[in-house]
Amino acid sequence: MRTAVALYLLALGVRAVLVWLYPDPAYPDSYYYVDVGRAIAAGHGLNVDFVWIFAEVGNKIPDPATLPVPSNAHWLPLASFLQAPFISILGPTALASALPGVLIGALAAPLTWLIARDAGARPLVANAAGVISAVPGAVAAFMVQPENFGILHPLVAATLWLTARGLRGDGRSFALAGLLAGLATLARNDGILLAGAIGLVWLADRVRWWRSRRGSRAWTHMDDRPPIPLLAGVLAAVLFLVVMGPWWARQLAVFGSISPTSSNGAALWLVDISEWNSITTEYSPARFFAQGVPAIVESRVAGLAGALGNFAVMISSVVLVPFLLIGALARRRSPPFQPWFVYTFVAFAGAALLYPLHVPGGAFIHTAIGLAPHAAILSVEGILLLVGWIAGRRRHWEAGLAGSIFVWTIVALVIASSAIFTPALHAGWDETRQPRMTLAAELDRMEVRADDRLMSIDAGGFKYWTGRPGVVMPDDPIETIEAVARAYSIRWLVVERADTVRAMAPVLEGQRPSWIGPPSFTVPASDGGLPVLALFPVCTTAEDSRCG
């Protein structure tokens, strides 16, 4: 038990340092969860005064176009629910939003140790894998972002562990896995893939039992054991619905669908990722299949390749990849890892078939983070297997000592990858953060009203920094963007050089339509080129003379 406590404290300390280094949200997902959490804490419920993407309001300009709007038509609410009480107590601070993910995420380290011990791994394997989960390599910087990484890291691993215990005769553990799968689904849409994987494990175990009774070869070597009880499977489904049922009821009542952005086709029938931020695209299966089989196959292969790359770099820090393959091959028939193999297959299939265009934006990293604890265990076992094989062919090698040396050397390399990737990520995030902080101060200096609406590429992010409501600019022709500005009575336009829609590039270069005025404020670029960020007045009424 002291080892588990030590691992938790190590993980907690690492995450505390990461929060100290970069306490703020860094990208649209994180901003959104914080903004929703703050709205809940302020008593506004699940409503926000910005539109982060038009898929949340039906992929069209609503009539009437009003703010605030119901939140979470696409992203799920668990991260915001967890932040809300901390925000209520500590105020709307970056620390309040980061704390729940830090406290929960640190559980991944002792959980990894426990999973390894339960799977019969050596103490060295359990300890080293626990350290890897405490300092998770290249993905470490994401673990303290106020969104789902810190939640899903231990939650998915615990679900797979309890499912594996169900395979070994513990029906109560299997039932509890259904509850955790529900929480994972309440955290992120692809949690449903985890629930599906649990169902596949239960079904495969039934098939194994049915085949074993008829003398056929089963999917494991434990042919004579009883299957996961039917009652356990039913309870798992019931507990899943206990968690998700109320949320789905809310979605039906508010949006008319339990998954609004899937039911309207916005998330599923994309031909190009730019269409995700469009209100002129007509999403339909017919249009999707009209692009032709070669294009569809190419996008799916690209999604799978991207997922493999994400896993290799962000989850395995590259150095663990060969050892993971060795360990996985050795454990391919081991019951404690069967659910992990099933979910791994389902996760990669989802990335390739369901959301391949979202993979380059980091969607798969969220799915894969829950695979990391088991992957760490398999990787350490793979190191020992390789060292043992080499030691058997080297007369002067002592396998135990050599194994320990190699294991901790690889663990040190994983930790080093954290030190390499984290500063680079922070630097990139800060390049976006600093101009936004500068703009926020300038808006206050200009005495811009708190209810003046902004149009930007990241409405949630500018809500976080400026406190002002807003609407995302769609990736559509300038005439459509003007229609959005007029419908929502937009007062200001924010254009960032590094991230904007195609129609805004000429505006930043000085080619402005009459409804956009000259820049009121700019953040100059260090290279002497176009400004990093520019603020333009938007005039949607004849009485507004700011646009000259």
Protein backbone atom coordinates (compact mmCIF):
# COMPACT_ATOMS: atom_id res chain seq x y z
CA MET A 1 0.00 0.00 0.00
CA ARG A 2 2.89 2.38 0.70
CA THR A 3 4.02 1.94 -2.90
CA ALA A 4 0.57 2.92 -4.17
CA VAL A 5 0.53 6.03 -1.95
CA ALA A 6 4.05 6.96 -3.06
CA LEU A 7 3.05 6.63 -6.71
CA TYR A 8 -0.02 8.82 -6.17
CA LEU A 9 2.08 11.49 -4.48
CA LEU A 10 4.64 11.33 -7.29
CA ALA A 11 1.90 11.71 -9.91
CA LEU A 12 0.30 14.53 -7.92
CA GLY A 13 3.62 16.34 -7.64
CA VAL A 14 4.35 16.03 -11.35
CA ARG A 15 0.91 17.38 -12.22
CA ALA A 16 1.26 20.23 -9.74
CA VAL A 17 4.48 21.30 -11.45
CA LEU A 18 2.78 21.12 -14.84
CA VAL A 19 -0.08 23.32 -13.62
CA TRP A 20 2.44 25.77 -12.20
CA LEU A 21 4.24 25.90 -15.55
CA TYR A 22 1.05 26.42 -17.57
CA PRO A 23 -2.15 26.87 -15.53
CA ASP A 24 -4.53 28.01 -18.28
CA PRO A 25 -6.57 26.11 -20.85
CA ALA A 26 -4.73 26.01 -24.16
CA TYR A 27 -7.11 25.06 -26.98
CA PRO A 28 -10.86 25.10 -27.82
CA ASP A 29 -11.80 21.89 -25.97
CA SER A 30 -10.26 23.12 -22.72
CA TYR A 31 -11.69 26.61 -23.01
CA TYR A 32 -15.14 25.16 -23.61
CA TYR A 33 -15.14 22.90 -20.55
CA VAL A 34 -13.95 25.77 -18.35
CA ASP A 35 -16.53 28.19 -19.73
CA VAL A 36 -19.34 25.68 -19.14
CA GLY A 37 -18.05 24.93 -15.63
CA ARG A 38 -18.02 28.63 -14.84
CA ALA A 39 -21.54 29.04 -16.22
CA ILE A 40 -22.78 26.22 -13.99
CA ALA A 41 -21.01 27.69 -10.95
CA ALA A 42 -22.52 31.12 -11.70
CA GLY A 43 -26.02 29.66 -11.68
CA HIS A 44 -26.61 29.78 -15.43
CA GLY A 45 -26.88 26.00 -15.78
CA LEU A 46 -25.96 24.36 -19.06
CA ASN A 47 -26.09 27.57 -21.08
CA VAL A 48 -23.26 29.63 -22.58
CA ASP A 49 -23.20 33.04 -24.22
CA PHE A 50 -21.11 31.99 -27.20
CA VAL A 51 -21.33 29.65 -30.19
CA TRP A 52 -18.06 27.74 -30.47
CA ILE A 53 -19.17 25.90 -33.63
CA PHE A 54 -22.39 26.04 -35.61
CA ALA A 55 -22.91 22.29 -35.33
CA GLU A 56 -24.18 23.08 -31.82
CA VAL A 57 -27.02 25.20 -33.22
CA GLY A 58 -28.03 23.01 -36.16
CA ASN A 59 -25.36 24.03 -38.72
CA LYS A 60 -27.30 27.10 -39.70
CA ILE A 61 -28.00 30.63 -38.54
CA PRO A 62 -30.86 30.14 -36.06
CA ASP A 63 -34.00 32.23 -36.37
CA PRO A 64 -33.90 34.08 -34.10
CA ALA A 65 -30.11 34.12 -33.60
CA THR A 66 -29.85 34.58 -29.84
CA LEU A 67 -27.35 34.18 -27.05
CA PRO A 68 -27.00 32.40 -24.69
CA VAL A 69 -27.51 28.93 -26.18
CA PRO A 70 -27.82 25.50 -24.55
CA SER A 71 -24.37 23.98 -24.11
CA ASN A 72 -22.93 20.53 -24.79
CA ALA A 73 -24.65 19.61 -28.01
CA HIS A 74 -21.34 18.03 -29.02
CA TRP A 75 -18.90 17.83 -26.12
CA LEU A 76 -20.04 15.94 -23.02
CA PRO A 77 -20.30 17.63 -19.61
CA LEU A 78 -18.45 15.53 -17.00
CA ALA A 79 -15.30 17.70 -16.95
CA SER A 80 -17.42 20.82 -16.46
CA PHE A 81 -19.55 19.15 -13.78
CA LEU A 82 -16.39 18.28 -11.84
CA GLN A 83 -14.98 21.80 -12.16
CA ALA A 84 -18.14 23.62 -11.07
CA PRO A 85 -17.88 22.96 -7.27
CA PHE A 86 -14.19 23.91 -7.26
CA ILE A 87 -15.03 27.13 -9.12
CA SER A 88 -17.83 27.87 -6.65
CA ILE A 89 -15.40 27.55 -3.73
CA LEU A 90 -12.20 29.02 -5.21
CA GLY A 91 -13.67 31.41 -7.75
CA PRO A 92 -13.29 31.43 -11.55
CA THR A 93 -9.55 30.81 -11.52
CA ALA A 94 -7.32 28.60 -13.64
CA LEU A 95 -6.38 26.59 -10.54
CA ALA A 96 -10.02 25.86 -9.69
CA SER A 97 -10.58 24.40 -13.16
CA ALA A 98 -7.35 22.38 -13.16
CA LEU A 99 -7.69 20.84 -9.69
CA PRO A 100 -10.29 18.09 -10.30
CA GLY A 101 -8.40 16.72 -13.30
CA VAL A 102 -5.15 16.77 -11.34
CA LEU A 103 -6.58 14.96 -8.32
CA ILE A 104 -8.35 12.35 -10.42
CA GLY A 105 -5.60 11.94 -13.01
CA ALA A 106 -2.97 11.19 -10.36
CA LEU A 107 -4.93 8.02 -9.54
CA ALA A 108 -3.64 6.50 -12.79
CA ALA A 109 -0.23 5.78 -11.24
CA PRO A 110 -1.32 3.62 -8.26
CA LEU A 111 -4.05 2.10 -10.45
CA THR A 112 -1.44 0.96 -12.97
CA TRP A 113 0.56 -0.61 -10.13
CA LEU A 114 -2.59 -2.38 -8.89
CA ILE A 115 -3.52 -3.66 -12.36
CA ALA A 116 -0.02 -5.06 -12.85
CA ARG A 117 -0.03 -6.82 -9.48
CA ASP A 118 -3.50 -8.22 -10.16
CA ALA A 119 -2.30 -9.53 -13.53
CA GLY A 120 0.54 -11.45 -11.85
CA ALA A 121 3.31 -9.15 -13.08
CA ARG A 122 6.59 -8.90 -11.20
CA PRO A 123 7.02 -6.07 -8.65
CA LEU A 124 9.58 -4.44 -10.95
CA VAL A 125 6.98 -4.31 -13.72
CA ALA A 126 4.30 -2.88 -11.42
CA ASN A 127 6.62 -0.22 -9.98
CA ALA A 128 8.10 0.87 -13.30
CA ALA A 129 4.72 0.97 -15.05
CA GLY A 130 3.33 3.01 -12.17
CA VAL A 131 6.13 5.55 -12.58
CA ILE A 132 5.42 5.78 -16.31
CA SER A 133 1.77 6.57 -15.52
CA ALA A 134 2.89 9.16 -12.99
CA VAL A 135 5.14 10.85 -15.58
CA PRO A 136 3.43 9.84 -18.84
CA GLY A 137 6.04 10.96 -21.33
CA ALA A 138 5.14 13.03 -24.36
CA VAL A 139 1.49 13.41 -23.37
CA ALA A 140 2.27 14.77 -19.89
CA ALA A 141 1.44 18.41 -20.67
CA PHE A 142 -2.09 17.45 -21.72
CA MET A 143 -2.76 15.60 -18.47
CA VAL A 144 -3.43 18.82 -16.53
CA GLN A 145 -5.48 20.57 -19.17
CA PRO A 146 -8.95 21.23 -17.69
CA GLU A 147 -10.74 18.74 -19.91
CA ASN A 148 -10.87 14.93 -20.22
CA PHE A 149 -7.32 13.59 -20.28
CA GLY A 150 -6.90 13.48 -16.51
CA ILE A 151 -10.35 11.93 -16.12
CA LEU A 152 -10.16 9.28 -18.84
CA HIS A 153 -6.59 8.17 -18.05
CA PRO A 154 -7.58 6.26 -14.87
CA LEU A 155 -11.29 5.87 -15.68
CA VAL A 156 -10.86 3.83 -18.87
CA ALA A 157 -8.03 1.76 -17.36
CA ALA A 158 -10.17 0.97 -14.31
CA THR A 159 -13.06 -0.05 -16.58
CA LEU A 160 -10.85 -2.46 -18.51
CA TRP A 161 -9.39 -3.84 -15.27
CA LEU A 162 -12.84 -4.51 -13.78
CA THR A 163 -13.95 -6.11 -17.05
CA ALA A 164 -10.93 -8.42 -16.89
CA ARG A 165 -11.83 -9.35 -13.31
CA GLY A 166 -15.28 -10.22 -14.61
CA LEU A 167 -13.67 -12.66 -17.04
CA ARG A 168 -12.05 -14.32 -14.05
CA GLY A 169 -15.36 -14.86 -12.27
CA ASP A 170 -15.99 -11.58 -10.45
CA GLY A 171 -19.49 -10.61 -11.59
CA ARG A 172 -19.66 -7.57 -9.30
CA SER A 173 -16.53 -6.12 -10.89
CA PHE A 174 -18.01 -6.58 -14.35
CA ALA A 175 -21.22 -4.84 -13.30
CA LEU A 176 -19.21 -1.94 -11.87
CA ALA A 177 -17.35 -1.69 -15.18
CA GLY A 178 -20.67 -0.71 -16.76
CA LEU A 179 -20.97 2.19 -14.32
CA LEU A 180 -17.45 3.42 -15.14
CA ALA A 181 -18.11 3.07 -18.86
CA GLY A 182 -21.12 5.31 -18.33
CA LEU A 183 -18.93 7.92 -16.65
CA ALA A 184 -16.43 7.69 -19.53
CA THR A 185 -19.27 8.24 -22.00
CA LEU A 186 -20.50 11.20 -19.94
CA ALA A 187 -16.98 12.61 -20.30
CA ARG A 188 -16.57 12.15 -24.04
CA ASN A 189 -18.59 10.87 -27.00
CA ASP A 190 -16.18 8.07 -27.83
CA GLY A 191 -16.77 6.60 -24.37
CA ILE A 192 -19.53 4.70 -26.13
CA LEU A 193 -16.74 2.75 -27.86
CA LEU A 194 -15.56 1.62 -24.42
CA ALA A 195 -19.08 0.47 -23.55
CA GLY A 196 -19.21 -1.39 -26.87
CA ALA A 197 -15.89 -3.08 -26.10
CA ILE A 198 -17.25 -4.30 -22.75
CA GLY A 199 -20.27 -5.70 -24.55
CA LEU A 200 -18.02 -7.48 -27.04
CA VAL A 201 -16.02 -9.03 -24.19
CA TRP A 202 -19.20 -10.32 -22.59
CA LEU A 203 -20.47 -11.71 -25.92
CA ALA A 204 -17.12 -13.31 -26.80
CA ASP A 205 -16.98 -14.93 -23.37
CA ARG A 206 -20.45 -16.39 -23.93
CA VAL A 207 -19.35 -17.72 -27.33
CA ARG A 208 -16.22 -19.23 -25.75
CA TRP A 209 -18.31 -20.98 -23.13
CA TRP A 210 -20.82 -22.18 -25.73
CA ARG A 211 -18.04 -23.53 -27.94
CA SER A 212 -16.21 -25.14 -25.03
CA ARG A 213 -19.32 -27.14 -24.17
CA ARG A 214 -19.26 -28.51 -27.70
CA GLY A 215 -15.56 -29.32 -27.68
CA SER A 216 -14.52 -26.54 -30.07
CA ARG A 217 -11.42 -24.44 -29.59
CA ALA A 218 -12.21 -21.41 -27.41
CA TRP A 219 -10.82 -17.89 -27.57
CA THR A 220 -8.79 -18.45 -24.39
CA HIS A 221 -7.21 -21.48 -22.76
CA MET A 222 -9.61 -21.38 -19.77
CA ASP A 223 -12.23 -23.50 -21.54
CA ASP A 224 -13.74 -25.00 -18.43
CA ARG A 225 -14.49 -21.83 -16.49
CA PRO A 226 -18.05 -20.50 -16.36
CA PRO A 227 -18.91 -17.42 -18.40
CA ILE A 228 -19.51 -13.95 -17.02
CA PRO A 229 -22.94 -14.27 -15.38
CA LEU A 230 -25.93 -13.01 -17.32
CA LEU A 231 -26.95 -11.01 -14.26
CA ALA A 232 -23.58 -9.24 -14.25
CA GLY A 233 -24.05 -8.27 -17.88
CA VAL A 234 -27.55 -6.97 -17.22
CA LEU A 235 -26.38 -4.99 -14.18
CA ALA A 236 -23.52 -3.50 -16.19
CA ALA A 237 -26.01 -2.28 -18.80
CA VAL A 238 -28.36 -0.95 -16.12
CA LEU A 239 -25.58 0.95 -14.34
CA PHE A 240 -24.43 2.39 -17.66
CA LEU A 241 -27.96 3.67 -18.26
CA VAL A 242 -28.19 5.02 -14.70
CA VAL A 243 -25.34 7.36 -15.63
CA MET A 244 -26.24 8.16 -19.24
CA GLY A 245 -30.04 7.95 -19.08
CA PRO A 246 -30.59 11.37 -17.44
CA TRP A 247 -28.14 13.02 -19.80
CA TRP A 248 -29.74 11.50 -22.88
CA ALA A 249 -33.13 12.62 -21.58
CA ARG A 250 -31.77 16.17 -21.33
CA GLN A 251 -30.37 16.01 -24.85
CA LEU A 252 -33.69 14.76 -26.22
CA ALA A 253 -35.59 17.49 -24.42
CA VAL A 254 -33.25 20.30 -25.50
CA PHE A 255 -31.99 19.21 -28.93
CA GLY A 256 -34.37 16.44 -29.99
CA SER A 257 -31.54 13.88 -30.20
CA ILE A 258 -29.27 12.07 -27.77
CA SER A 259 -26.31 12.97 -30.04
CA PRO A 260 -27.21 16.18 -31.90
CA THR A 261 -24.04 16.62 -33.97
CA SER A 262 -24.14 12.98 -35.08
CA SER A 263 -27.83 12.88 -35.90
CA ASN A 264 -27.62 15.95 -38.14
CA GLY A 265 -24.64 14.46 -39.97
CA ALA A 266 -22.19 17.21 -39.08
CA ALA A 267 -19.78 14.89 -37.29
CA LEU A 268 -20.15 11.82 -39.51
CA TRP A 269 -20.49 12.89 -43.14
CA LEU A 270 -17.58 15.28 -43.51
CA VAL A 271 -15.68 15.21 -46.79
CA ASP A 272 -13.06 17.69 -45.59
CA ILE A 273 -12.32 18.80 -42.02
CA SER A 274 -12.90 22.47 -42.97
CA GLU A 275 -16.58 21.59 -43.38
CA TRP A 276 -16.79 21.02 -39.63
CA ASN A 277 -16.85 24.81 -39.30
CA SER A 278 -19.23 25.55 -42.19
CA ILE A 279 -22.91 26.45 -42.35
CA THR A 280 -23.27 26.25 -46.13
CA THR A 281 -22.29 22.58 -46.46
CA GLU A 282 -25.15 20.11 -46.87
CA TYR A 283 -24.19 17.01 -44.89
CA SER A 284 -25.66 13.79 -46.25
CA PRO A 285 -24.68 10.16 -46.90
CA ALA A 286 -25.33 10.69 -50.61
CA ARG A 287 -22.86 13.59 -50.79
CA PHE A 288 -20.33 11.64 -48.71
CA PHE A 289 -20.41 8.57 -50.95
CA ALA A 290 -20.39 10.72 -54.08
CA GLN A 291 -16.73 11.52 -53.49
CA GLY A 292 -15.93 7.97 -54.60
CA VAL A 293 -14.47 4.85 -53.05
CA PRO A 294 -10.78 5.82 -53.56
CA ALA A 295 -11.22 9.11 -51.68
CA ILE A 296 -13.16 7.44 -48.87
CA VAL A 297 -10.57 4.69 -48.49
CA GLU A 298 -7.73 7.21 -48.59
CA SER A 299 -9.26 9.29 -45.79
CA ARG A 300 -9.83 6.16 -43.67
CA VAL A 301 -6.29 4.93 -44.18
CA ALA A 302 -5.01 8.40 -43.30
CA GLY A 303 -7.12 8.33 -40.13
CA LEU A 304 -5.70 4.96 -39.11
CA ALA A 305 -2.14 6.09 -39.88
CA GLY A 306 -2.69 9.23 -37.84
CA ALA A 307 -4.06 7.22 -34.93
CA LEU A 308 -1.05 4.90 -35.01
CA GLY A 309 1.25 7.91 -35.08
CA ASN A 310 -0.59 9.58 -32.19
CA PHE A 311 -0.35 6.40 -30.14
CA ALA A 312 3.32 5.86 -30.90
CA VAL A 313 4.34 9.42 -30.04
CA MET A 314 1.90 10.65 -27.40
CA ILE A 315 1.06 7.42 -25.56
CA SER A 316 4.24 5.37 -26.04
CA SER A 317 6.73 8.27 -26.27
CA VAL A 318 8.22 6.36 -29.26
CA VAL A 319 10.75 4.51 -27.07
CA LEU A 320 8.14 2.12 -25.68
CA VAL A 321 6.74 1.01 -29.05
CA PRO A 322 8.99 -2.03 -29.75
CA PHE A 323 8.71 -3.26 -26.15
CA LEU A 324 4.93 -2.83 -26.20
CA LEU A 325 4.74 -5.04 -29.27
CA ILE A 326 6.83 -7.73 -27.55
CA GLY A 327 4.80 -7.57 -24.36
CA ALA A 328 1.50 -7.59 -26.23
CA LEU A 329 2.56 -10.64 -28.23
CA ALA A 330 3.50 -12.45 -25.05
CA ARG A 331 0.22 -11.54 -23.30
CA ARG A 332 -2.08 -12.02 -26.28
CA ARG A 333 -3.96 -14.88 -24.59
CA SER A 334 -3.78 -13.55 -21.04
CA PRO A 335 -7.28 -12.96 -19.55
CA PRO A 336 -6.22 -9.85 -17.58
CA PHE A 337 -5.39 -8.14 -20.89
CA GLN A 338 -8.20 -9.47 -23.12
CA PRO A 339 -10.45 -6.41 -22.58
CA TRP A 340 -7.49 -4.15 -23.36
CA PHE A 341 -6.91 -5.89 -26.68
CA VAL A 342 -10.61 -5.66 -27.54
CA TYR A 343 -10.83 -1.97 -26.69
CA THR A 344 -7.58 -1.26 -28.56
CA PHE A 345 -9.10 -2.80 -31.68
CA VAL A 346 -12.37 -0.91 -31.22
CA ALA A 347 -10.56 2.39 -30.58
CA PHE A 348 -8.43 2.15 -33.71
CA ALA A 349 -11.42 1.01 -35.77
CA GLY A 350 -13.33 4.06 -34.55
CA ALA A 351 -10.49 6.36 -35.56
CA ALA A 352 -10.31 4.79 -39.00
CA LEU A 353 -14.03 4.45 -39.75
CA LEU A 354 -16.01 6.94 -37.65
CA TYR A 355 -13.92 10.07 -37.22
CA PRO A 356 -10.72 9.85 -39.33
CA LEU A 357 -10.82 13.52 -40.31
CA HIS A 358 -10.77 14.55 -36.65
CA VAL A 359 -7.70 12.44 -35.82
CA PRO A 360 -5.10 15.05 -36.92
CA GLY A 361 -6.73 17.52 -34.52
CA GLY A 362 -6.01 15.27 -31.55
CA ALA A 363 -9.32 13.44 -31.23
CA PHE A 364 -7.68 10.00 -31.04
CA ILE A 365 -5.33 11.01 -28.23
CA HIS A 366 -8.39 11.41 -26.00
CA THR A 367 -9.57 7.92 -26.95
CA ALA A 368 -6.16 6.35 -26.53
CA ILE A 369 -5.17 7.88 -23.21
CA GLY A 370 -7.11 5.21 -21.32
CA LEU A 371 -5.01 2.53 -23.03
CA ALA A 372 -1.81 3.96 -21.57
CA PRO A 373 -1.69 2.19 -18.14
CA HIS A 374 -2.03 -1.31 -19.60
CA ALA A 375 0.35 -0.32 -22.41
CA ALA A 376 2.93 0.73 -19.82
CA ILE A 377 2.68 -2.67 -18.11
CA LEU A 378 3.04 -4.56 -21.39
CA SER A 379 5.97 -2.36 -22.39
CA VAL A 380 7.89 -3.07 -19.20
CA GLU A 381 7.20 -6.78 -19.55
CA GLY A 382 8.43 -6.53 -23.13
CA ILE A 383 11.69 -4.99 -21.93
CA LEU A 384 12.25 -7.86 -19.50
CA LEU A 385 11.41 -10.47 -22.11
CA LEU A 386 13.90 -8.96 -24.54
CA VAL A 387 16.61 -8.68 -21.88
CA GLY A 388 15.96 -12.28 -20.80
CA TRP A 389 16.28 -13.49 -24.39
CA ILE A 390 19.58 -11.60 -24.84
CA ALA A 391 20.89 -12.75 -21.45
CA GLY A 392 20.30 -16.35 -22.47
CA ARG A 393 22.80 -15.83 -25.27
CA ARG A 394 25.36 -13.87 -23.24
CA ARG A 395 27.42 -15.95 -20.84
CA HIS A 396 28.30 -13.09 -18.48
CA TRP A 397 24.87 -11.44 -18.29
CA GLU A 398 22.82 -11.72 -15.10
CA ALA A 399 19.25 -11.41 -16.34
CA GLY A 400 17.75 -9.95 -13.14
CA LEU A 401 20.24 -7.13 -12.77
CA ALA A 402 20.36 -6.41 -16.49
CA GLY A 403 16.55 -6.34 -16.58
CA SER A 404 16.37 -3.78 -13.78
CA ILE A 405 19.00 -1.60 -15.43
CA PHE A 406 17.28 -1.67 -18.81
CA VAL A 407 13.81 -1.10 -17.34
CA TRP A 408 14.79 1.98 -15.38
CA THR A 409 16.83 3.28 -18.30
CA ILE A 410 13.78 3.14 -20.54
CA VAL A 411 11.63 4.71 -17.80
CA ALA A 412 14.20 7.52 -17.62
CA LEU A 413 13.88 8.01 -21.39
CA VAL A 414 10.09 8.26 -21.08
CA ILE A 415 10.50 10.88 -18.35
CA ALA A 416 13.02 12.68 -20.55
CA SER A 417 10.46 12.80 -23.36
CA SER A 418 8.20 14.73 -20.97
CA ALA A 419 10.99 17.24 -20.49
CA ILE A 420 11.40 17.54 -24.27
CA PHE A 421 7.78 17.71 -25.42
CA THR A 422 6.30 19.77 -22.58
CA PRO A 423 8.32 22.99 -23.09
CA ALA A 424 7.67 22.82 -26.83
CA LEU A 425 3.92 22.45 -26.29
CA HIS A 426 3.86 25.22 -23.71
CA ALA A 427 5.73 27.54 -26.05
CA GLY A 428 3.23 26.89 -28.83
CA TRP A 429 0.28 27.41 -26.53
CA ASP A 430 1.80 30.61 -25.16
CA GLU A 431 2.17 32.06 -28.65
CA THR A 432 -1.63 31.98 -28.84
CA ARG A 433 -2.23 32.97 -25.23
CA GLN A 434 -0.14 36.15 -25.08
CA PRO A 435 -1.89 38.08 -27.89
CA ARG A 436 -5.27 37.14 -26.42
CA MET A 437 -4.25 38.39 -22.99
CA THR A 438 -3.05 41.60 -24.59
CA LEU A 439 -6.35 42.01 -26.43
CA ALA A 440 -8.32 41.43 -23.22
CA ALA A 441 -6.44 44.25 -21.51
CA GLU A 442 -6.95 46.53 -24.53
CA LEU A 443 -10.71 45.90 -24.61
CA ASP A 444 -10.89 46.95 -20.98
CA ARG A 445 -8.74 50.02 -21.68
CA MET A 446 -11.03 50.95 -24.59
CA GLU A 447 -14.00 50.53 -22.23
CA VAL A 448 -15.65 48.09 -24.61
CA ARG A 449 -18.92 47.02 -23.07
CA ALA A 450 -19.01 43.66 -21.32
CA ASP A 451 -21.93 42.54 -23.51
CA ASP A 452 -20.35 43.57 -26.85
CA ARG A 453 -20.19 40.45 -28.99
CA LEU A 454 -17.01 39.26 -30.66
CA MET A 455 -16.63 37.14 -33.78
CA SER A 456 -13.47 35.02 -33.79
CA ILE A 457 -12.14 31.60 -34.73
CA ASP A 458 -12.34 30.50 -31.07
CA ALA A 459 -15.39 32.00 -29.37
CA GLY A 460 -14.90 29.92 -26.23
CA GLY A 461 -11.27 30.96 -25.95
CA PHE A 462 -12.05 34.66 -26.27
CA LYS A 463 -14.88 34.27 -23.78
CA TYR A 464 -12.31 32.86 -21.34
CA TRP A 465 -9.82 35.69 -21.84
CA THR A 466 -12.06 38.71 -22.40
CA GLY A 467 -15.24 37.69 -20.59
CA ARG A 468 -17.27 38.80 -23.61
CA PRO A 469 -19.83 36.75 -25.55
CA GLY A 470 -19.30 35.81 -29.15
CA VAL A 471 -19.77 33.62 -32.17
CA VAL A 472 -17.32 31.60 -34.23
CA MET A 473 -16.67 32.80 -37.78
CA PRO A 474 -17.73 30.01 -40.14
CA ASP A 475 -15.39 28.72 -42.84
CA ASP A 476 -17.63 30.05 -45.59
CA PRO A 477 -17.67 32.93 -48.10
CA ILE A 478 -17.46 36.47 -46.73
CA GLU A 479 -21.15 37.02 -47.52
CA THR A 480 -22.10 34.19 -45.16
CA ILE A 481 -19.84 35.57 -42.45
CA GLU A 482 -21.55 38.96 -42.88
CA ALA A 483 -24.95 37.28 -42.50
CA VAL A 484 -23.78 35.72 -39.23
CA ALA A 485 -22.47 39.08 -38.00
CA ARG A 486 -25.77 40.79 -38.73
CA ALA A 487 -27.89 38.01 -37.25
CA TYR A 488 -25.98 38.03 -33.97
CA SER A 489 -25.38 41.83 -33.84
CA ILE A 490 -21.62 41.33 -33.71
CA ARG A 491 -19.69 44.44 -32.64
CA TRP A 492 -16.08 43.33 -33.07
CA LEU A 493 -14.12 40.96 -35.28
CA VAL A 494 -10.91 39.29 -34.04
CA VAL A 495 -8.61 37.80 -36.67
CA GLU A 496 -5.52 35.77 -35.74
CA ARG A 497 -2.89 35.26 -38.39
CA ALA A 498 -1.98 31.72 -37.32
CA ASP A 499 -5.56 30.43 -37.23
CA THR A 500 -8.40 31.90 -39.24
CA VAL A 501 -10.86 30.98 -41.96
CA ARG A 502 -9.97 31.44 -45.62
CA ALA A 503 -12.27 34.40 -46.17
CA MET A 504 -10.52 36.40 -43.45
CA ALA A 505 -7.03 36.31 -44.96
CA PRO A 506 -7.74 39.26 -47.30
CA VAL A 507 -9.24 41.22 -44.39
CA LEU A 508 -6.04 40.87 -42.41
CA GLU A 509 -4.15 42.06 -45.50
CA GLY A 510 -6.30 45.22 -45.72
CA GLN A 511 -9.00 44.18 -48.21
CA ARG A 512 -12.08 44.90 -46.12
CA PRO A 513 -15.75 44.90 -47.09
CA SER A 514 -17.73 47.97 -46.04
CA TRP A 515 -19.18 46.37 -42.91
CA ILE A 516 -15.70 45.84 -41.41
CA GLY A 517 -13.86 48.97 -40.26
CA PRO A 518 -10.13 49.67 -40.06
CA PRO A 519 -8.29 47.84 -37.28
CA SER A 520 -8.79 49.40 -33.86
CA PHE A 521 -5.95 47.40 -32.33
CA THR A 522 -3.24 45.02 -33.54
CA VAL A 523 -0.59 42.84 -31.98
CA PRO A 524 2.43 43.24 -34.28
CA ALA A 525 4.42 40.23 -35.41
CA SER A 526 8.09 39.85 -34.55
CA ASP A 527 8.87 39.02 -38.18
CA GLY A 528 7.53 42.36 -39.39
CA GLY A 529 4.74 40.71 -41.40
CA LEU A 530 1.00 40.81 -40.92
CA PRO A 531 -0.10 41.32 -37.32
CA VAL A 532 -0.42 38.28 -35.08
CA LEU A 533 -3.87 39.48 -34.01
CA ALA A 534 -6.10 42.32 -35.18
CA LEU A 535 -9.33 43.77 -33.77
CA PHE A 536 -11.79 45.28 -36.26
CA PRO A 537 -15.08 47.08 -35.59
CA VAL A 538 -18.10 45.47 -37.22
CA CYS A 539 -20.95 47.73 -38.36
CA THR A 540 -24.27 46.00 -38.91
CA THR A 541 -26.53 49.04 -38.60
CA ALA A 542 -26.64 52.33 -40.48
CA GLU A 543 -26.19 54.24 -37.23
CA ASP A 544 -22.81 52.66 -36.54
CA SER A 545 -20.17 55.02 -37.93
CA ARG A 546 -17.07 53.13 -36.72
CA CYS A 547 -16.45 51.52 -40.13
CA GLY A 548 -15.99 54.85 -41.94
